[in-house]
Amino acid sequence: MIDVTTIDWNEAWKKPEEGEKGKKLFISCADRWSEKNRCERFSRSAKENNWEASRARIEGMNITSDSRVLDIGAGPGTLTIPLAGMVKEVTAVEPSAGMRDCLSSNVTDTGLMNVTIVPKKWEDVDISDLKAPYDIVIASYSLGFPDLREGLQKMDQVSCSYVYIFWFADMLSPWQKNYGDIWEDLYGIPFKKYQKPNIIFNLLHQMEIYANVEITKEIHQQKFVSLDEAVSDQGAGLHLKTPEQYAILREFLEKRLQEQDGMFTMSIISPRAKIWWKKD
């Protein structure tokens, strides 16, 4: 039996899965969100029904009208925009120029005056340049830090009250969920649905941060104006290189996508984790 207390969970987070060593299976977040059209499509989706999905996530946070919030990896303002209308102020950290353009536009369109945008990666942010401490620190599907331990320590350091992390409960990305059936065809390696423990929770425990975990099931939906757009977008995200790979993807998406209100949609039900703790 493996003694989980002896595992370096920070290294476990970094380590590629067996069989995938040396392969870059997904495009980096920085590269993916460098394209204006992709960022704008994500922004439109986040804004649907007056940021409905974001507001549902916010309902589970301990915020007040006096809260000062730090949103790490803010994207187009998925949480920043609705939060800014509820709290005293929000500092939004977002490294991608494409996402920052969408974020700035959404701030302007909503007339918000209490949002500060920090154009850096979290690991490059100097805490002394922030208005720390914050009542609420959030990282929502934005844990792309090269060193998870350092990123979490920094989050804990700048909070004076609550820290919230949102991530995939089964540690599988939407890429793996959506394309498991054609994984071996695309990459030449078998798809393994790893039953990994929650690395984030275990690492926090090693850091003597005893977090709470709440699991929900959410629908993850993507919308495209055409099959061609879906193939191009998803192929880039999957880091496909050859015409043969794109042909496999196209055939799969022709069967998988559903036409709805003039759009081509793909949906999956994904277990999501809210990991949170309150500072002493």
Protein backbone atom coordinates (compact mmCIF):
# COMPACT_ATOMS: atom_id res chain seq x y z
CA MET A 1 0.00 0.00 0.00
CA ILE A 2 1.30 3.46 -0.93
CA ASP A 3 1.86 5.83 1.98
CA VAL A 4 0.30 9.04 0.63
CA THR A 5 2.02 11.10 3.32
CA THR A 6 5.40 10.44 1.67
CA ILE A 7 4.33 11.60 -1.80
CA ASP A 8 5.50 15.02 -2.95
CA TRP A 9 2.15 16.23 -4.28
CA ASN A 10 3.71 19.28 -5.88
CA GLU A 11 5.86 17.02 -8.06
CA ALA A 12 2.84 14.79 -8.73
CA TRP A 13 1.04 17.83 -10.12
CA LYS A 14 3.91 18.57 -12.52
CA LYS A 15 4.65 15.00 -13.63
CA PRO A 16 3.20 13.92 -17.01
CA GLU A 17 1.16 10.73 -17.08
CA GLU A 18 2.89 7.50 -18.06
CA GLY A 19 2.78 7.08 -21.81
CA GLU A 20 2.57 10.80 -22.49
CA LYS A 21 6.15 11.73 -21.65
CA GLY A 22 7.68 14.01 -24.22
CA LYS A 23 4.32 14.71 -25.85
CA LYS A 24 2.72 18.12 -25.75
CA LEU A 25 -0.88 17.08 -26.06
CA PHE A 26 -2.57 20.41 -25.44
CA ILE A 27 -1.79 23.93 -26.54
CA SER A 28 -0.65 26.18 -23.67
CA CYS A 29 -3.18 28.54 -22.08
CA ALA A 30 -1.09 31.52 -23.16
CA ASP A 31 -1.14 30.38 -26.78
CA ARG A 32 -4.80 29.36 -26.73
CA TRP A 33 -5.99 32.71 -25.46
CA SER A 34 -3.80 34.76 -27.76
CA GLU A 35 -6.43 34.57 -30.50
CA LYS A 36 -9.01 37.34 -30.42
CA ASN A 37 -11.89 35.33 -31.87
CA ARG A 38 -11.45 32.51 -29.35
CA CYS A 39 -11.40 34.95 -26.44
CA GLU A 40 -14.49 36.76 -27.72
CA ARG A 41 -16.36 33.47 -28.11
CA PHE A 42 -15.47 32.51 -24.54
CA SER A 43 -16.56 35.94 -23.32
CA ARG A 44 -19.95 35.68 -25.07
CA SER A 45 -20.52 32.31 -23.45
CA ALA A 46 -19.62 33.61 -19.98
CA LYS A 47 -22.04 36.53 -20.34
CA GLU A 48 -25.04 34.40 -21.29
CA ASN A 49 -28.19 35.14 -19.27
CA ASN A 50 -26.47 37.96 -17.37
CA TRP A 51 -23.49 35.86 -16.22
CA GLU A 52 -25.84 33.19 -14.90
CA ALA A 53 -23.26 30.42 -14.44
CA SER A 54 -20.85 32.81 -12.70
CA ARG A 55 -23.51 34.08 -10.32
CA ALA A 56 -24.32 30.52 -9.31
CA ARG A 57 -20.65 30.00 -8.41
CA ILE A 58 -20.54 33.27 -6.47
CA GLU A 59 -23.56 32.29 -4.36
CA GLY A 60 -21.34 29.82 -2.52
CA MET A 61 -18.81 32.47 -1.47
CA ASN A 62 -18.76 34.45 1.76
CA ILE A 63 -18.85 37.94 0.29
CA THR A 64 -20.24 41.23 1.55
CA SER A 65 -20.61 44.67 0.03
CA ASP A 66 -17.35 45.62 1.79
CA SER A 67 -15.32 42.69 0.45
CA ARG A 68 -12.09 43.32 -1.43
CA VAL A 69 -11.50 40.54 -3.98
CA LEU A 70 -8.47 39.21 -5.86
CA ASP A 71 -9.40 37.17 -8.95
CA ILE A 72 -6.42 35.19 -10.32
CA GLY A 73 -6.73 34.24 -13.98
CA ALA A 74 -9.78 36.42 -14.43
CA GLY A 75 -10.25 35.73 -18.14
CA PRO A 76 -12.90 37.98 -19.71
CA GLY A 77 -14.29 38.73 -16.26
CA THR A 78 -16.17 35.49 -15.71
CA LEU A 79 -16.28 36.17 -11.96
CA THR A 80 -14.79 39.67 -11.86
CA ILE A 81 -17.69 41.39 -13.63
CA PRO A 82 -20.60 40.03 -11.57
CA LEU A 83 -18.54 40.25 -8.37
CA ALA A 84 -17.63 43.89 -8.99
CA GLY A 85 -21.32 44.77 -8.82
CA MET A 86 -21.60 43.16 -5.39
CA VAL A 87 -18.37 44.06 -3.56
CA LYS A 88 -16.18 47.06 -2.75
CA GLU A 89 -13.45 46.36 -5.32
CA VAL A 90 -11.88 43.63 -7.45
CA THR A 91 -8.28 43.20 -8.57
CA ALA A 92 -8.18 40.99 -11.66
CA VAL A 93 -4.91 39.24 -12.56
CA GLU A 94 -4.90 38.18 -16.23
CA PRO A 95 -1.75 37.47 -18.29
CA SER A 96 -3.36 36.92 -21.70
CA ALA A 97 -3.63 40.03 -23.89
CA GLY A 98 -6.64 38.57 -25.70
CA MET A 99 -8.51 37.91 -22.49
CA ARG A 100 -7.54 41.32 -21.08
CA ASP A 101 -9.05 43.02 -24.13
CA CYS A 102 -12.33 41.21 -23.47
CA LEU A 103 -12.10 41.97 -19.76
CA SER A 104 -11.48 45.68 -20.38
CA SER A 105 -14.40 45.82 -22.83
CA ASN A 106 -16.72 44.10 -20.36
CA VAL A 107 -15.66 46.48 -17.58
CA THR A 108 -16.33 49.46 -19.83
CA ASP A 109 -19.65 48.11 -21.11
CA THR A 110 -20.95 47.57 -17.57
CA GLY A 111 -19.72 50.96 -16.34
CA LEU A 112 -17.77 49.45 -13.46
CA MET A 113 -15.30 51.75 -11.70
CA ASN A 114 -13.97 49.40 -9.04
CA VAL A 115 -11.91 46.93 -11.13
CA THR A 116 -8.11 47.01 -11.33
CA ILE A 117 -6.46 44.82 -13.99
CA VAL A 118 -2.98 43.38 -13.39
CA PRO A 119 -1.47 42.20 -16.73
CA LYS A 120 0.79 39.45 -15.38
CA LYS A 121 1.03 35.76 -14.64
CA TRP A 122 0.37 35.02 -10.99
CA GLU A 123 3.92 33.73 -10.49
CA ASP A 124 5.26 37.07 -11.80
CA VAL A 125 3.11 39.26 -9.57
CA ASP A 126 4.98 41.06 -6.80
CA ILE A 127 2.78 40.97 -3.71
CA SER A 128 4.06 44.41 -2.69
CA ASP A 129 2.43 45.82 -5.83
CA LEU A 130 -1.00 44.53 -4.81
CA LYS A 131 -3.51 46.08 -2.43
CA ALA A 132 -3.15 43.09 -0.13
CA PRO A 133 -4.53 41.65 2.00
CA TYR A 134 -7.83 40.74 0.32
CA ASP A 135 -10.97 39.40 1.96
CA ILE A 136 -11.51 36.96 -0.89
CA VAL A 137 -8.87 35.35 -3.13
CA ILE A 138 -10.10 33.24 -6.08
CA ALA A 139 -8.51 30.98 -8.69
CA SER A 140 -11.24 29.61 -10.95
CA TYR A 141 -9.87 26.97 -13.35
CA SER A 142 -6.66 28.97 -13.53
CA LEU A 143 -4.03 26.89 -11.73
CA GLY A 144 -1.55 26.96 -14.60
CA PHE A 145 1.31 27.81 -12.26
CA PRO A 146 4.71 26.18 -12.94
CA ASP A 147 4.97 25.48 -9.22
CA LEU A 148 1.61 24.79 -7.59
CA ARG A 149 2.94 24.95 -4.03
CA GLU A 150 4.36 28.43 -4.55
CA GLY A 151 1.17 29.59 -6.23
CA LEU A 152 -1.01 28.33 -3.37
CA GLN A 153 1.31 29.78 -0.72
CA LYS A 154 1.11 33.15 -2.42
CA MET A 155 -2.69 32.98 -2.55
CA ASP A 156 -2.84 32.16 1.15
CA GLN A 157 -0.39 34.94 1.95
CA VAL A 158 -2.43 37.71 0.32
CA SER A 159 -5.73 36.63 1.90
CA CYS A 160 -6.93 37.84 5.26
CA SER A 161 -10.10 35.76 5.20
CA TYR A 162 -11.17 33.32 2.45
CA VAL A 163 -9.47 31.51 -0.44
CA TYR A 164 -11.53 29.73 -3.10
CA ILE A 165 -10.24 27.37 -5.79
CA PHE A 166 -12.43 25.85 -8.49
CA TRP A 167 -11.12 22.82 -10.37
CA PHE A 168 -12.10 19.52 -11.96
CA ALA A 169 -13.08 17.06 -9.23
CA ASP A 170 -11.91 14.01 -11.17
CA MET A 171 -8.72 15.79 -12.31
CA LEU A 172 -9.71 15.27 -15.96
CA SER A 173 -9.78 18.26 -18.28
CA PRO A 174 -12.66 18.79 -20.76
CA TRP A 175 -10.18 17.79 -23.49
CA GLN A 176 -9.72 14.37 -21.94
CA LYS A 177 -13.44 13.98 -21.27
CA ASN A 178 -14.53 15.02 -24.74
CA TYR A 179 -11.97 13.08 -26.74
CA GLY A 180 -11.24 9.93 -24.74
CA ASP A 181 -12.97 7.84 -27.41
CA ILE A 182 -10.51 8.93 -30.12
CA TRP A 183 -7.47 9.53 -27.92
CA GLU A 184 -5.47 6.59 -29.22
CA ASP A 185 -6.42 7.41 -32.82
CA LEU A 186 -5.18 10.97 -32.38
CA TYR A 187 -2.02 10.41 -30.38
CA GLY A 188 -1.12 6.75 -30.76
CA ILE A 189 -1.33 6.09 -27.01
CA PRO A 190 -4.21 4.48 -25.09
CA PHE A 191 -6.52 6.76 -23.16
CA LYS A 192 -6.29 6.09 -19.45
CA LYS A 193 -8.98 7.46 -17.19
CA TYR A 194 -6.71 7.92 -14.21
CA GLN A 195 -8.41 7.64 -10.85
CA LYS A 196 -6.04 10.18 -9.38
CA PRO A 197 -6.51 11.49 -5.85
CA ASN A 198 -7.19 15.16 -5.50
CA ILE A 199 -3.67 16.49 -5.74
CA ILE A 200 -4.66 20.04 -4.79
CA PHE A 201 -6.34 18.95 -1.56
CA ASN A 202 -3.47 16.62 -0.63
CA LEU A 203 -0.86 19.30 -1.33
CA LEU A 204 -2.74 21.82 0.79
CA HIS A 205 -2.84 19.26 3.61
CA GLN A 206 0.94 18.85 3.36
CA MET A 207 1.18 22.63 3.62
CA GLU A 208 -0.92 22.41 6.83
CA ILE A 209 -3.85 24.14 5.14
CA TYR A 210 -6.92 22.05 5.94
CA ALA A 211 -9.37 22.93 3.23
CA ASN A 212 -13.03 22.19 2.68
CA VAL A 213 -14.16 20.44 -0.51
CA GLU A 214 -17.59 20.64 -2.10
CA ILE A 215 -18.45 18.65 -5.24
CA THR A 216 -21.09 19.60 -7.78
CA LYS A 217 -21.97 18.48 -11.30
CA GLU A 218 -22.01 21.12 -14.00
CA ILE A 219 -22.75 21.13 -17.69
CA HIS A 220 -19.75 22.21 -19.73
CA GLN A 221 -20.97 23.46 -23.12
CA GLN A 222 -19.14 24.83 -26.13
CA LYS A 223 -20.81 26.53 -29.07
CA PHE A 224 -19.54 27.05 -32.62
CA VAL A 225 -21.03 28.78 -35.65
CA SER A 226 -20.02 25.91 -37.96
CA LEU A 227 -18.41 22.49 -38.07
CA ASP A 228 -15.33 24.07 -39.66
CA GLU A 229 -14.96 26.48 -36.75
CA ALA A 230 -15.29 23.61 -34.27
CA VAL A 231 -12.66 21.51 -36.05
CA SER A 232 -10.24 24.46 -36.25
CA ASP A 233 -10.71 25.52 -32.63
CA GLN A 234 -10.64 22.07 -31.08
CA GLY A 235 -7.80 20.89 -33.31
CA ALA A 236 -5.66 23.81 -32.21
CA GLY A 237 -6.51 23.16 -28.55
CA LEU A 238 -5.61 19.49 -28.92
CA HIS A 239 -2.34 20.50 -30.57
CA LEU A 240 -3.03 18.43 -33.67
CA LYS A 241 -0.37 18.54 -36.38
CA THR A 242 -1.32 16.30 -39.30
CA PRO A 243 -4.17 16.18 -41.84
CA GLU A 244 -4.86 12.63 -40.63
CA GLN A 245 -5.44 13.87 -37.09
CA TYR A 246 -7.77 16.61 -38.29
CA ALA A 247 -9.71 14.10 -40.41
CA ILE A 248 -10.24 11.89 -37.33
CA LEU A 249 -11.40 14.90 -35.34
CA ARG A 250 -13.79 16.09 -38.07
CA GLU A 251 -15.43 12.68 -38.36
CA PHE A 252 -15.84 12.55 -34.58
CA LEU A 253 -17.31 16.06 -34.33
CA GLU A 254 -19.74 15.43 -37.20
CA LYS A 255 -21.33 12.76 -35.00
CA ARG A 256 -20.87 14.50 -31.66
CA LEU A 257 -21.98 18.08 -32.31
CA GLN A 258 -25.66 18.93 -32.06
CA GLU A 259 -27.32 21.78 -33.96
CA GLN A 260 -29.23 24.09 -31.66
CA ASP A 261 -30.55 27.57 -32.46
CA GLY A 262 -28.26 27.85 -35.47
CA MET A 263 -25.17 26.84 -33.46
CA PHE A 264 -23.18 23.63 -33.19
CA THR A 265 -22.93 22.62 -29.55
CA MET A 266 -21.01 20.04 -27.54
CA SER A 267 -21.91 19.34 -23.93
CA ILE A 268 -20.58 17.15 -21.15
CA ILE A 269 -21.50 16.76 -17.49
CA SER A 270 -18.42 17.38 -15.40
CA PRO A 271 -17.90 16.93 -11.64
CA ARG A 272 -16.41 20.14 -10.28
CA ALA A 273 -14.72 20.85 -6.96
CA LYS A 274 -14.84 23.99 -4.86
CA ILE A 275 -11.84 23.86 -2.53
CA TRP A 276 -11.83 26.60 0.08
CA TRP A 277 -10.48 27.61 3.43
CA LYS A 278 -10.73 30.46 5.90
CA LYS A 279 -7.65 32.07 7.36
CA ASP A 280 -7.25 31.80 11.11
